[in-house]
Amino acid sequence: MGGIITNHFEAAAMILFAIGLVTLLFQKNLIKKIIGLNIMDTAIFLFLTAKGYITGRAAPIITGGEVIPGAYVNPLPSALVLTGIVVAVSITAFALALSVKLYSHYGTLDMDKISVMALRGKD
């Protein structure tokens, strides 16, 4: 139990990922599926941020002339999270645009109904 208390950010990330995965798998509404995907993205960003932080080290911004490699946090996880946020926003915008088109064509956002209508040939 002591490991969960010290790794509370990682535990929260895993719980958020599980919530997003369950939402993505069991909801029929496309908007709810997109929300589940965003929750999963946020969980990954939290996990990477928690793993990249090292207590007692400073941000990798060098203002003086002296560089001490062990005194700074690794900037790579932060760069990955920023890139991931850009990709996640782009995917969300694209998925929402597709949802609008599907709703205007089929009149519903229920995946089961859309699948039945598409298989029947209501294109």
PDB file of N, CA and C in Angstrom:
ATOM      1  N   MET A   1       0.821  -1.191   0.000  1.00  0.00           N
ATOM      2  CA  MET A   1       0.000   0.000   0.000  1.00  0.00           C
ATOM      3  C   MET A   1       0.865   1.255   0.000  1.00  0.00           C
ATOM      4  N   GLY A   2       2.077   1.158   0.474  1.00  0.00           N
ATOM      5  CA  GLY A   2       2.955   2.315   0.519  1.00  0.00           C
ATOM      6  C   GLY A   2       3.376   2.774  -0.869  1.00  0.00           C
ATOM      7  N   GLY A   3       3.444   1.834  -1.834  1.00  0.00           N
ATOM      8  CA  GLY A   3       3.812   2.192  -3.199  1.00  0.00           C
ATOM      9  C   GLY A   3       2.768   3.054  -3.872  1.00  0.00           C
ATOM     10  N   ILE A   4       1.504   2.801  -3.573  1.00  0.00           N
ATOM     11  CA  ILE A   4       0.429   3.602  -4.178  1.00  0.00           C
ATOM     12  C   ILE A   4       0.451   5.013  -3.626  1.00  0.00           C
ATOM     13  N   ILE A   5       0.756   5.148  -2.345  1.00  0.00           N
ATOM     14  CA  ILE A   5       0.775   6.480  -1.743  1.00  0.00           C
ATOM     15  C   ILE A   5       1.914   7.313  -2.320  1.00  0.00           C
ATOM     16  N   THR A   6       3.063   6.708  -2.552  1.00  0.00           N
ATOM     17  CA  THR A   6       4.188   7.472  -3.098  1.00  0.00           C
ATOM     18  C   THR A   6       4.043   7.688  -4.600  1.00  0.00           C
ATOM     19  N   ASN A   7       3.316   6.836  -5.278  1.00  0.00           N
ATOM     20  CA  ASN A   7       3.126   6.961  -6.725  1.00  0.00           C
ATOM     21  C   ASN A   7       1.685   7.347  -7.042  1.00  0.00           C
ATOM     22  N   HIS A   8       1.186   8.367  -6.366  1.00  0.00           N
ATOM     23  CA  HIS A   8      -0.224   8.710  -6.541  1.00  0.00           C
ATOM     24  C   HIS A   8      -0.514   9.298  -7.919  1.00  0.00           C
ATOM     25  N   PHE A   9       0.439   9.946  -8.544  1.00  0.00           N
ATOM     26  CA  PHE A   9       0.200  10.468  -9.894  1.00  0.00           C
ATOM     27  C   PHE A   9       0.077   9.329 -10.902  1.00  0.00           C
ATOM     28  N   GLU A  10       0.933   8.319 -10.768  1.00  0.00           N
ATOM     29  CA  GLU A  10       0.857   7.175 -11.664  1.00  0.00           C
ATOM     30  C   GLU A  10      -0.434   6.396 -11.443  1.00  0.00           C
ATOM     31  N   ALA A  11      -0.849   6.253 -10.175  1.00  0.00           N
ATOM     32  CA  ALA A  11      -2.103   5.558  -9.880  1.00  0.00           C
ATOM     33  C   ALA A  11      -3.295   6.321 -10.451  1.00  0.00           C
ATOM     34  N   ALA A  12      -3.277   7.644 -10.322  1.00  0.00           N
ATOM     35  CA  ALA A  12      -4.358   8.457 -10.890  1.00  0.00           C
ATOM     36  C   ALA A  12      -4.374   8.342 -12.407  1.00  0.00           C
ATOM     37  N   ALA A  13      -3.208   8.292 -13.027  1.00  0.00           N
ATOM     38  CA  ALA A  13      -3.139   8.141 -14.484  1.00  0.00           C
ATOM     39  C   ALA A  13      -3.717   6.802 -14.918  1.00  0.00           C
ATOM     40  N   MET A  14      -3.431   5.753 -14.182  1.00  0.00           N
ATOM     41  CA  MET A  14      -3.973   4.435 -14.530  1.00  0.00           C
ATOM     42  C   MET A  14      -5.488   4.387 -14.353  1.00  0.00           C
ATOM     43  N   ILE A  15      -5.981   5.006 -13.299  1.00  0.00           N
ATOM     44  CA  ILE A  15      -7.431   5.052 -13.082  1.00  0.00           C
ATOM     45  C   ILE A  15      -8.114   5.849 -14.182  1.00  0.00           C
ATOM     46  N   LEU A  16      -7.536   7.000 -14.537  1.00  0.00           N
ATOM     47  CA  LEU A  16      -8.099   7.802 -15.631  1.00  0.00           C
ATOM     48  C   LEU A  16      -8.071   7.038 -16.955  1.00  0.00           C
ATOM     49  N   PHE A  17      -6.985   6.334 -17.217  1.00  0.00           N
ATOM     50  CA  PHE A  17      -6.904   5.553 -18.449  1.00  0.00           C
ATOM     51  C   PHE A  17      -7.970   4.473 -18.482  1.00  0.00           C
ATOM     52  N   ALA A  18      -8.193   3.810 -17.349  1.00  0.00           N
ATOM     53  CA  ALA A  18      -9.224   2.770 -17.285  1.00  0.00           C
ATOM     54  C   ALA A  18     -10.617   3.363 -17.501  1.00  0.00           C
ATOM     55  N   ILE A  19     -10.883   4.524 -16.914  1.00  0.00           N
ATOM     56  CA  ILE A  19     -12.178   5.195 -17.112  1.00  0.00           C
ATOM     57  C   ILE A  19     -12.369   5.539 -18.585  1.00  0.00           C
ATOM     58  N   GLY A  20     -11.335   6.075 -19.207  1.00  0.00           N
ATOM     59  CA  GLY A  20     -11.428   6.414 -20.626  1.00  0.00           C
ATOM     60  C   GLY A  20     -11.618   5.198 -21.510  1.00  0.00           C
ATOM     61  N   LEU A  21     -10.921   4.104 -21.193  1.00  0.00           N
ATOM     62  CA  LEU A  21     -11.041   2.882 -21.982  1.00  0.00           C
ATOM     63  C   LEU A  21     -12.437   2.281 -21.863  1.00  0.00           C
ATOM     64  N   VAL A  22     -12.975   2.250 -20.655  1.00  0.00           N
ATOM     65  CA  VAL A  22     -14.335   1.728 -20.454  1.00  0.00           C
ATOM     66  C   VAL A  22     -15.346   2.604 -21.196  1.00  0.00           C
ATOM     67  N   THR A  23     -15.165   3.911 -21.130  1.00  0.00           N
ATOM     68  CA  THR A  23     -16.058   4.826 -21.850  1.00  0.00           C
ATOM     69  C   THR A  23     -15.955   4.600 -23.356  1.00  0.00           C
ATOM     70  N   LEU A  24     -14.758   4.431 -23.850  1.00  0.00           N
ATOM     71  CA  LEU A  24     -14.553   4.220 -25.275  1.00  0.00           C
ATOM     72  C   LEU A  24     -15.168   2.904 -25.753  1.00  0.00           C
ATOM     73  N   LEU A  25     -15.083   1.872 -24.939  1.00  0.00           N
ATOM     74  CA  LEU A  25     -15.572   0.563 -25.350  1.00  0.00           C
ATOM     75  C   LEU A  25     -17.081   0.392 -25.196  1.00  0.00           C
ATOM     76  N   PHE A  26     -17.673   0.944 -24.143  1.00  0.00           N
ATOM     77  CA  PHE A  26     -19.053   0.600 -23.826  1.00  0.00           C
ATOM     78  C   PHE A  26     -20.087   1.663 -24.167  1.00  0.00           C
ATOM     79  N   GLN A  27     -19.676   2.853 -24.536  1.00  0.00           N
ATOM     80  CA  GLN A  27     -20.652   3.877 -24.925  1.00  0.00           C
ATOM     81  C   GLN A  27     -20.956   3.746 -26.411  1.00  0.00           C
ATOM     82  N   LYS A  28     -22.198   4.022 -26.785  1.00  0.00           N
ATOM     83  CA  LYS A  28     -22.597   3.933 -28.188  1.00  0.00           C
ATOM     84  C   LYS A  28     -22.586   5.290 -28.870  1.00  0.00           C
ATOM     85  N   ASN A  29     -22.673   6.354 -28.092  1.00  0.00           N
ATOM     86  CA  ASN A  29     -22.698   7.701 -28.636  1.00  0.00           C
ATOM     87  C   ASN A  29     -21.280   8.117 -29.032  1.00  0.00           C
ATOM     88  N   LEU A  30     -21.151   8.667 -30.246  1.00  0.00           N
ATOM     89  CA  LEU A  30     -19.818   9.045 -30.738  1.00  0.00           C
ATOM     90  C   LEU A  30     -19.170  10.146 -29.915  1.00  0.00           C
ATOM     91  N   ILE A  31     -19.960  11.101 -29.444  1.00  0.00           N
ATOM     92  CA  ILE A  31     -19.392  12.190 -28.641  1.00  0.00           C
ATOM     93  C   ILE A  31     -18.817  11.636 -27.336  1.00  0.00           C
ATOM     94  N   LYS A  32     -19.517  10.690 -26.730  1.00  0.00           N
ATOM     95  CA  LYS A  32     -19.013  10.073 -25.498  1.00  0.00           C
ATOM     96  C   LYS A  32     -17.750   9.264 -25.765  1.00  0.00           C
ATOM     97  N   LYS A  33     -17.668   8.643 -26.923  1.00  0.00           N
ATOM     98  CA  LYS A  33     -16.447   7.918 -27.289  1.00  0.00           C
ATOM     99  C   LYS A  33     -15.268   8.887 -27.451  1.00  0.00           C
ATOM    100  N   ILE A  34     -15.526  10.026 -28.041  1.00  0.00           N
ATOM    101  CA  ILE A  34     -14.466  11.034 -28.201  1.00  0.00           C
ATOM    102  C   ILE A  34     -14.017  11.552 -26.839  1.00  0.00           C
ATOM    103  N   ILE A  35     -14.977  11.745 -25.928  1.00  0.00           N
ATOM    104  CA  ILE A  35     -14.621  12.169 -24.566  1.00  0.00           C
ATOM    105  C   ILE A  35     -13.771  11.097 -23.879  1.00  0.00           C
ATOM    106  N   GLY A  36     -14.118   9.829 -24.053  1.00  0.00           N
ATOM    107  CA  GLY A  36     -13.320   8.743 -23.487  1.00  0.00           C
ATOM    108  C   GLY A  36     -11.906   8.729 -24.037  1.00  0.00           C
ATOM    109  N   LEU A  37     -11.777   9.000 -25.337  1.00  0.00           N
ATOM    110  CA  LEU A  37     -10.450   9.077 -25.947  1.00  0.00           C
ATOM    111  C   LEU A  37      -9.643  10.231 -25.367  1.00  0.00           C
ATOM    112  N   ASN A  38     -10.300  11.356 -25.115  1.00  0.00           N
ATOM    113  CA  ASN A  38      -9.606  12.504 -24.513  1.00  0.00           C
ATOM    114  C   ASN A  38      -9.187  12.217 -23.078  1.00  0.00           C
ATOM    115  N   ILE A  39      -9.999  11.481 -22.343  1.00  0.00           N
ATOM    116  CA  ILE A  39      -9.625  11.098 -20.974  1.00  0.00           C
ATOM    117  C   ILE A  39      -8.387  10.199 -21.015  1.00  0.00           C
ATOM    118  N   MET A  40      -8.339   9.281 -21.974  1.00  0.00           N
ATOM    119  CA  MET A  40      -7.170   8.416 -22.110  1.00  0.00           C
ATOM    120  C   MET A  40      -5.923   9.224 -22.473  1.00  0.00           C
ATOM    121  N   ASP A  41      -6.076  10.198 -23.369  1.00  0.00           N
ATOM    122  CA  ASP A  41      -4.944  11.072 -23.715  1.00  0.00           C
ATOM    123  C   ASP A  41      -4.420  11.804 -22.484  1.00  0.00           C
ATOM    124  N   THR A  42      -5.341  12.343 -21.695  1.00  0.00           N
ATOM    125  CA  THR A  42      -4.956  13.083 -20.497  1.00  0.00           C
ATOM    126  C   THR A  42      -4.229  12.179 -19.503  1.00  0.00           C
ATOM    127  N   ALA A  43      -4.670  10.931 -19.403  1.00  0.00           N
ATOM    128  CA  ALA A  43      -4.007   9.982 -18.506  1.00  0.00           C
ATOM    129  C   ALA A  43      -2.564   9.727 -18.951  1.00  0.00           C
ATOM    130  N   ILE A  44      -2.357   9.593 -20.244  1.00  0.00           N
ATOM    131  CA  ILE A  44      -0.998   9.380 -20.748  1.00  0.00           C
ATOM    132  C   ILE A  44      -0.126  10.602 -20.489  1.00  0.00           C
ATOM    133  N   PHE A  45      -0.691  11.797 -20.682  1.00  0.00           N
ATOM    134  CA  PHE A  45       0.078  13.017 -20.432  1.00  0.00           C
ATOM    135  C   PHE A  45       0.447  13.129 -18.954  1.00  0.00           C
ATOM    136  N   LEU A  46      -0.487  12.797 -18.072  1.00  0.00           N
ATOM    137  CA  LEU A  46      -0.205  12.824 -16.638  1.00  0.00           C
ATOM    138  C   LEU A  46       0.882  11.825 -16.280  1.00  0.00           C
ATOM    139  N   PHE A  47       0.817  10.630 -16.855  1.00  0.00           N
ATOM    140  CA  PHE A  47       1.808   9.602 -16.559  1.00  0.00           C
ATOM    141  C   PHE A  47       3.201  10.031 -17.026  1.00  0.00           C
ATOM    142  N   LEU A  48       3.290  10.550 -18.252  1.00  0.00           N
ATOM    143  CA  LEU A  48       4.596  10.990 -18.751  1.00  0.00           C
ATOM    144  C   LEU A  48       5.156  12.152 -17.939  1.00  0.00           C
ATOM    145  N   THR A  49       4.285  13.072 -17.542  1.00  0.00           N
ATOM    146  CA  THR A  49       4.729  14.203 -16.730  1.00  0.00           C
ATOM    147  C   THR A  49       5.202  13.736 -15.361  1.00  0.00           C
ATOM    148  N   ALA A  50       4.472  12.794 -14.760  1.00  0.00           N
ATOM    149  CA  ALA A  50       4.862  12.278 -13.445  1.00  0.00           C
ATOM    150  C   ALA A  50       6.183  11.518 -13.514  1.00  0.00           C
ATOM    151  N   LYS A  51       6.393  10.777 -14.594  1.00  0.00           N
ATOM    152  CA  LYS A  51       7.641  10.029 -14.730  1.00  0.00           C
ATOM    153  C   LYS A  51       8.825  10.939 -15.061  1.00  0.00           C
ATOM    154  N   GLY A  52       8.579  12.062 -15.704  1.00  0.00           N
ATOM    155  CA  GLY A  52       9.660  12.953 -16.099  1.00  0.00           C
ATOM    156  C   GLY A  52      10.115  13.893 -15.001  1.00  0.00           C
ATOM    157  N   TYR A  53       9.298  14.045 -13.949  1.00  0.00           N
ATOM    158  CA  TYR A  53       9.655  14.979 -12.879  1.00  0.00           C
ATOM    159  C   TYR A  53      10.588  14.304 -11.874  1.00  0.00           C
ATOM    160  N   ILE A  54      11.629  15.005 -11.484  1.00  0.00           N
ATOM    161  CA  ILE A  54      12.567  14.515 -10.479  1.00  0.00           C
ATOM    162  C   ILE A  54      12.642  15.558  -9.377  1.00  0.00           C
ATOM    163  N   THR A  55      12.323  15.154  -8.157  1.00  0.00           N
ATOM    164  CA  THR A  55      12.308  16.071  -7.026  1.00  0.00           C
ATOM    165  C   THR A  55      13.691  16.648  -6.777  1.00  0.00           C
ATOM    166  N   GLY A  56      13.731  17.947  -6.591  1.00  0.00           N
ATOM    167  CA  GLY A  56      14.981  18.614  -6.261  1.00  0.00           C
ATOM    168  C   GLY A  56      15.760  19.138  -7.450  1.00  0.00           C
ATOM    169  N   ARG A  57      15.288  18.876  -8.653  1.00  0.00           N
ATOM    170  CA  ARG A  57      15.996  19.383  -9.836  1.00  0.00           C
ATOM    171  C   ARG A  57      15.234  20.554 -10.433  1.00  0.00           C
ATOM    172  N   ALA A  58      15.953  21.397 -11.130  1.00  0.00           N
ATOM    173  CA  ALA A  58      15.379  22.618 -11.707  1.00  0.00           C
ATOM    174  C   ALA A  58      14.964  22.382 -13.154  1.00  0.00           C
ATOM    175  N   ALA A  59      14.190  23.317 -13.665  1.00  0.00           N
ATOM    176  CA  ALA A  59      13.818  23.283 -15.076  1.00  0.00           C
ATOM    177  C   ALA A  59      15.065  23.474 -15.929  1.00  0.00           C
ATOM    178  N   PRO A  60      15.124  22.860 -17.107  1.00  0.00           N
ATOM    179  CA  PRO A  60      16.342  22.934 -17.926  1.00  0.00           C
ATOM    180  C   PRO A  60      16.481  24.259 -18.673  1.00  0.00           C
ATOM    181  N   ILE A  61      16.493  25.333 -17.912  1.00  0.00           N
ATOM    182  CA  ILE A  61      16.696  26.661 -18.473  1.00  0.00           C
ATOM    183  C   ILE A  61      18.028  27.165 -17.928  1.00  0.00           C
ATOM    184  N   ILE A  62      18.992  27.291 -18.780  1.00  0.00           N
ATOM    185  CA  ILE A  62      20.341  27.670 -18.353  1.00  0.00           C
ATOM    186  C   ILE A  62      20.482  29.186 -18.514  1.00  0.00           C
ATOM    187  N   THR A  63      20.621  29.875 -17.376  1.00  0.00           N
ATOM    188  CA  THR A  63      20.754  31.332 -17.419  1.00  0.00           C
ATOM    189  C   THR A  63      22.197  31.774 -17.203  1.00  0.00           C
ATOM    190  N   GLY A  64      22.923  31.023 -16.430  1.00  0.00           N
ATOM    191  CA  GLY A  64      24.329  31.372 -16.194  1.00  0.00           C
ATOM    192  C   GLY A  64      25.210  30.650 -17.194  1.00  0.00           C
ATOM    193  N   GLY A  65      26.503  30.780 -17.021  1.00  0.00           N
ATOM    194  CA  GLY A  65      27.435  30.147 -17.942  1.00  0.00           C
ATOM    195  C   GLY A  65      27.763  28.707 -17.582  1.00  0.00           C
ATOM    196  N   GLU A  66      27.493  28.313 -16.342  1.00  0.00           N
ATOM    197  CA  GLU A  66      27.889  26.989 -15.883  1.00  0.00           C
ATOM    198  C   GLU A  66      26.744  25.989 -16.082  1.00  0.00           C
ATOM    199  N   VAL A  67      27.072  24.830 -16.644  1.00  0.00           N
ATOM    200  CA  VAL A  67      26.082  23.780 -16.887  1.00  0.00           C
ATOM    201  C   VAL A  67      26.424  22.577 -16.012  1.00  0.00           C
ATOM    202  N   ILE A  68      25.485  22.212 -15.128  1.00  0.00           N
ATOM    203  CA  ILE A  68      25.637  21.035 -14.271  1.00  0.00           C
ATOM    204  C   ILE A  68      24.579  20.028 -14.718  1.00  0.00           C
ATOM    205  N   PRO A  69      24.984  18.952 -15.396  1.00  0.00           N
ATOM    206  CA  PRO A  69      24.003  18.039 -15.984  1.00  0.00           C
ATOM    207  C   PRO A  69      23.045  17.395 -14.974  1.00  0.00           C
ATOM    208  N   GLY A  70      23.510  17.115 -13.773  1.00  0.00           N
ATOM    209  CA  GLY A  70      22.664  16.454 -12.785  1.00  0.00           C
ATOM    210  C   GLY A  70      21.710  17.380 -12.060  1.00  0.00           C
ATOM    211  N   ALA A  71      21.736  18.665 -12.362  1.00  0.00           N
ATOM    212  CA  ALA A  71      20.905  19.619 -11.640  1.00  0.00           C
ATOM    213  C   ALA A  71      19.592  19.927 -12.340  1.00  0.00           C
ATOM    214  N   TYR A  72      19.387  19.351 -13.528  1.00  0.00           N
ATOM    215  CA  TYR A  72      18.207  19.691 -14.306  1.00  0.00           C
ATOM    216  C   TYR A  72      17.331  18.466 -14.568  1.00  0.00           C
ATOM    217  N   VAL A  73      16.055  18.726 -14.779  1.00  0.00           N
ATOM    218  CA  VAL A  73      15.102  17.677 -15.150  1.00  0.00           C
ATOM    219  C   VAL A  73      15.254  17.418 -16.644  1.00  0.00           C
ATOM    220  N   ASN A  74      15.041  16.178 -17.060  1.00  0.00           N
ATOM    221  CA  ASN A  74      15.110  15.822 -18.471  1.00  0.00           C
ATOM    222  C   ASN A  74      13.961  16.509 -19.230  1.00  0.00           C
ATOM    223  N   PRO A  75      14.240  17.294 -20.259  1.00  0.00           N
ATOM    224  CA  PRO A  75      13.175  18.001 -20.975  1.00  0.00           C
ATOM    225  C   PRO A  75      12.427  17.142 -21.991  1.00  0.00           C
ATOM    226  N   LEU A  76      12.873  15.932 -22.260  1.00  0.00           N
ATOM    227  CA  LEU A  76      12.241  15.097 -23.280  1.00  0.00           C
ATOM    228  C   LEU A  76      10.792  14.725 -22.951  1.00  0.00           C
ATOM    229  N   PRO A  77      10.454  14.308 -21.722  1.00  0.00           N
ATOM    230  CA  PRO A  77       9.042  14.007 -21.443  1.00  0.00           C
ATOM    231  C   PRO A  77       8.121  15.212 -21.635  1.00  0.00           C
ATOM    232  N   SER A  78       8.600  16.395 -21.295  1.00  0.00           N
ATOM    233  CA  SER A  78       7.790  17.603 -21.499  1.00  0.00           C
ATOM    234  C   SER A  78       7.565  17.865 -22.979  1.00  0.00           C
ATOM    235  N   ALA A  79       8.586  17.657 -23.774  1.00  0.00           N
ATOM    236  CA  ALA A  79       8.450  17.841 -25.220  1.00  0.00           C
ATOM    237  C   ALA A  79       7.483  16.814 -25.808  1.00  0.00           C
ATOM    238  N   LEU A  80       7.551  15.575 -25.321  1.00  0.00           N
ATOM    239  CA  LEU A  80       6.617  14.545 -25.793  1.00  0.00           C
ATOM    240  C   LEU A  80       5.184  14.874 -25.413  1.00  0.00           C
ATOM    241  N   VAL A  81       4.977  15.393 -24.211  1.00  0.00           N
ATOM    242  CA  VAL A  81       3.635  15.756 -23.776  1.00  0.00           C
ATOM    243  C   VAL A  81       3.101  16.911 -24.622  1.00  0.00           C
ATOM    244  N   LEU A  82       3.917  17.918 -24.889  1.00  0.00           N
ATOM    245  CA  LEU A  82       3.467  19.033 -25.731  1.00  0.00           C
ATOM    246  C   LEU A  82       3.106  18.559 -27.132  1.00  0.00           C
ATOM    247  N   THR A  83       3.922  17.692 -27.705  1.00  0.00           N
ATOM    248  CA  THR A  83       3.612  17.140 -29.020  1.00  0.00           C
ATOM    249  C   THR A  83       2.343  16.303 -28.974  1.00  0.00           C
ATOM    250  N   GLY A  84       2.185  15.530 -27.916  1.00  0.00           N
ATOM    251  CA  GLY A  84       0.979  14.719 -27.763  1.00  0.00           C
ATOM    252  C   GLY A  84      -0.279  15.550 -27.623  1.00  0.00           C
ATOM    253  N   ILE A  85      -0.179  16.674 -26.941  1.00  0.00           N
ATOM    254  CA  ILE A  85      -1.339  17.558 -26.795  1.00  0.00           C
ATOM    255  C   ILE A  85      -1.756  18.109 -28.153  1.00  0.00           C
ATOM    256  N   VAL A  86      -0.796  18.489 -28.964  1.00  0.00           N
ATOM    257  CA  VAL A  86      -1.113  18.998 -30.305  1.00  0.00           C
ATOM    258  C   VAL A  86      -1.791  17.917 -31.140  1.00  0.00           C
ATOM    259  N   VAL A  87      -1.261  16.705 -31.094  1.00  0.00           N
ATOM    260  CA  VAL A  87      -1.851  15.605 -31.845  1.00  0.00           C
ATOM    261  C   VAL A  87      -3.244  15.279 -31.320  1.00  0.00           C
ATOM    262  N   ALA A  88      -3.426  15.273 -30.006  1.00  0.00           N
ATOM    263  CA  ALA A  88      -4.728  14.963 -29.419  1.00  0.00           C
ATOM    264  C   ALA A  88      -5.783  15.996 -29.799  1.00  0.00           C
ATOM    265  N   VAL A  89      -5.412  17.260 -29.799  1.00  0.00           N
ATOM    266  CA  VAL A  89      -6.366  18.304 -30.199  1.00  0.00           C
ATOM    267  C   VAL A  89      -6.728  18.148 -31.669  1.00  0.00           C
ATOM    268  N   SER A  90      -5.761  17.822 -32.502  1.00  0.00           N
ATOM    269  CA  SER A  90      -6.040  17.622 -33.925  1.00  0.00           C
ATOM    270  C   SER A  90      -6.962  16.434 -34.159  1.00  0.00           C
ATOM    271  N   ILE A  91      -6.706  15.343 -33.484  1.00  0.00           N
ATOM    272  CA  ILE A  91      -7.551  14.154 -33.633  1.00  0.00           C
ATOM    273  C   ILE A  91      -8.955  14.436 -33.115  1.00  0.00           C
ATOM    274  N   THR A  92      -9.066  15.164 -32.017  1.00  0.00           N
ATOM    275  CA  THR A  92     -10.384  15.509 -31.476  1.00  0.00           C
ATOM    276  C   THR A  92     -11.158  16.381 -32.457  1.00  0.00           C
ATOM    277  N   ALA A  93     -10.514  17.363 -33.042  1.00  0.00           N
ATOM    278  CA  ALA A  93     -11.188  18.226 -34.012  1.00  0.00           C
ATOM    279  C   ALA A  93     -11.644  17.425 -35.228  1.00  0.00           C
ATOM    280  N   PHE A  94     -10.799  16.530 -35.709  1.00  0.00           N
ATOM    281  CA  PHE A  94     -11.164  15.698 -36.858  1.00  0.00           C
ATOM    282  C   PHE A  94     -12.315  14.760 -36.520  1.00  0.00           C
ATOM    283  N   ALA A  95     -12.274  14.149 -35.341  1.00  0.00           N
ATOM    284  CA  ALA A  95     -13.347  13.238 -34.934  1.00  0.00           C
ATOM    285  C   ALA A  95     -14.665  13.980 -34.753  1.00  0.00           C
ATOM    286  N   LEU A  96     -14.618  15.170 -34.213  1.00  0.00           N
ATOM    287  CA  LEU A  96     -15.847  15.957 -34.066  1.00  0.00           C
ATOM    288  C   LEU A  96     -16.398  16.382 -35.424  1.00  0.00           C
ATOM    289  N   ALA A  97     -15.519  16.726 -36.358  1.00  0.00           N
ATOM    290  CA  ALA A  97     -15.981  17.070 -37.702  1.00  0.00           C
ATOM    291  C   ALA A  97     -16.629  15.868 -38.382  1.00  0.00           C
ATOM    292  N   LEU A  98     -16.044  14.687 -38.213  1.00  0.00           N
ATOM    293  CA  LEU A  98     -16.656  13.478 -38.760  1.00  0.00           C
ATOM    294  C   LEU A  98     -17.991  13.185 -38.091  1.00  0.00           C
ATOM    295  N   SER A  99     -18.098  13.449 -36.799  1.00  0.00           N
ATOM    296  CA  SER A  99     -19.352  13.232 -36.088  1.00  0.00           C
ATOM    297  C   SER A  99     -20.451  14.148 -36.611  1.00  0.00           C
ATOM    298  N   VAL A 100     -20.098  15.383 -36.907  1.00  0.00           N
ATOM    299  CA  VAL A 100     -21.079  16.319 -37.475  1.00  0.00           C
ATOM    300  C   VAL A 100     -21.567  15.814 -38.835  1.00  0.00           C
ATOM    301  N   LYS A 101     -20.645  15.339 -39.662  1.00  0.00           N
ATOM    302  CA  LYS A 101     -21.027  14.813 -40.979  1.00  0.00           C
ATOM    303  C   LYS A 101     -21.892  13.559 -40.845  1.00  0.00           C
ATOM    304  N   LEU A 102     -21.535  12.677 -39.924  1.00  0.00           N
ATOM    305  CA  LEU A 102     -22.340  11.470 -39.706  1.00  0.00           C
ATOM    306  C   LEU A 102     -23.735  11.829 -39.210  1.00  0.00           C
ATOM    307  N   TYR A 103     -23.833  12.798 -38.323  1.00  0.00           N
ATOM    308  CA  TYR A 103     -25.136  13.199 -37.808  1.00  0.00           C
ATOM    309  C   TYR A 103     -25.993  13.830 -38.909  1.00  0.00           C
ATOM    310  N   SER A 104     -25.361  14.634 -39.750  1.00  0.00           N
ATOM    311  CA  SER A 104     -26.145  15.251 -40.827  1.00  0.00           C
ATOM    312  C   SER A 104     -26.581  14.221 -41.865  1.00  0.00           C
ATOM    313  N   HIS A 105     -25.838  13.150 -42.024  1.00  0.00           N
ATOM    314  CA  HIS A 105     -26.181  12.120 -43.007  1.00  0.00           C
ATOM    315  C   HIS A 105     -27.169  11.094 -42.460  1.00  0.00           C
ATOM    316  N   TYR A 106     -26.930  10.612 -41.233  1.00  0.00           N
ATOM    317  CA  TYR A 106     -27.757   9.545 -40.671  1.00  0.00           C
ATOM    318  C   TYR A 106     -28.784  10.031 -39.657  1.00  0.00           C
ATOM    319  N   GLY A 107     -28.611  11.218 -39.114  1.00  0.00           N
ATOM    320  CA  GLY A 107     -29.564  11.741 -38.143  1.00  0.00           C
ATOM    321  C   GLY A 107     -29.406  11.194 -36.736  1.00  0.00           C
ATOM    322  N   THR A 108     -28.314  10.520 -36.473  1.00  0.00           N
ATOM    323  CA  THR A 108     -28.060   9.980 -35.140  1.00  0.00           C
ATOM    324  C   THR A 108     -26.555   9.876 -34.919  1.00  0.00           C
ATOM    325  N   LEU A 109     -26.166   9.792 -33.644  1.00  0.00           N
ATOM    326  CA  LEU A 109     -24.765   9.558 -33.299  1.00  0.00           C
ATOM    327  C   LEU A 109     -24.568   8.196 -32.630  1.00  0.00           C
ATOM    328  N   ASP A 110     -25.605   7.371 -32.617  1.00  0.00           N
ATOM    329  CA  ASP A 110     -25.536   6.030 -32.043  1.00  0.00           C
ATOM    330  C   ASP A 110     -24.824   5.106 -33.033  1.00  0.00           C
ATOM    331  N   MET A 111     -23.713   4.517 -32.616  1.00  0.00           N
ATOM    332  CA  MET A 111     -22.902   3.698 -33.510  1.00  0.00           C
ATOM    333  C   MET A 111     -23.651   2.470 -34.016  1.00  0.00           C
ATOM    334  N   ASP A 112     -24.487   1.860 -33.183  1.00  0.00           N
ATOM    335  CA  ASP A 112     -25.241   0.690 -33.617  1.00  0.00           C
ATOM    336  C   ASP A 112     -26.219   1.053 -34.728  1.00  0.00           C
ATOM    337  N   LYS A 113     -26.913   2.165 -34.561  1.00  0.00           N
ATOM    338  CA  LYS A 113     -27.879   2.594 -35.574  1.00  0.00           C
ATOM    339  C   LYS A 113     -27.173   2.998 -36.874  1.00  0.00           C
ATOM    340  N   ILE A 114     -26.048   3.662 -36.744  1.00  0.00           N
ATOM    341  CA  ILE A 114     -25.298   4.054 -37.939  1.00  0.00           C
ATOM    342  C   ILE A 114     -24.808   2.813 -38.678  1.00  0.00           C
ATOM    343  N   SER A 115     -24.344   1.800 -37.953  1.00  0.00           N
ATOM    344  CA  SER A 115     -23.870   0.567 -38.586  1.00  0.00           C
ATOM    345  C   SER A 115     -24.993  -0.146 -39.318  1.00  0.00           C
ATOM    346  N   VAL A 116     -26.173  -0.214 -38.706  1.00  0.00           N
ATOM    347  CA  VAL A 116     -27.317  -0.879 -39.333  1.00  0.00           C
ATOM    348  C   VAL A 116     -27.740  -0.122 -40.589  1.00  0.00           C
ATOM    349  N   MET A 117     -27.808   1.203 -40.497  1.00  0.00           N
ATOM    350  CA  MET A 117     -28.206   2.002 -41.658  1.00  0.00           C
ATOM    351  C   MET A 117     -27.178   1.893 -42.784  1.00  0.00           C
ATOM    352  N   ALA A 118     -25.894   1.864 -42.431  1.00  0.00           N
ATOM    353  CA  ALA A 118     -24.847   1.755 -43.449  1.00  0.00           C
ATOM    354  C   ALA A 118     -24.882   0.395 -44.126  1.00  0.00           C
ATOM    355  N   LEU A 119     -25.166  -0.667 -43.373  1.00  0.00           N
ATOM    356  CA  LEU A 119     -25.229  -2.002 -43.958  1.00  0.00           C
ATOM    357  C   LEU A 119     -26.479  -2.184 -44.819  1.00  0.00           C
ATOM    358  N   ARG A 120     -27.579  -1.507 -44.459  1.00  0.00           N
ATOM    359  CA  ARG A 120     -28.793  -1.587 -45.259  1.00  0.00           C
ATOM    360  C   ARG A 120     -28.660  -0.794 -46.553  1.00  0.00           C
ATOM    361  N   GLY A 121     -27.710   0.074 -46.608  1.00  0.00           N
ATOM    362  CA  GLY A 121     -27.473   0.810 -47.834  1.00  0.00           C
ATOM    363  C   GLY A 121     -28.115   2.176 -47.856  1.00  0.00           C
ATOM    364  N   LYS A 122     -28.394   2.749 -46.688  1.00  0.00           N
ATOM    365  CA  LYS A 122     -28.957   4.093 -46.641  1.00  0.00           C
ATOM    366  C   LYS A 122     -27.803   5.105 -46.737  1.00  0.00           C
ATOM    367  N   ASP A 123     -27.195   5.160 -47.887  1.00  0.00           N
ATOM    368  CA  ASP A 123     -26.073   6.099 -48.104  1.00  0.00           C
ATOM    369  C   ASP A 123     -26.514   7.233 -48.857  1.00  0.00           C
TER     370      ASP A 123
END
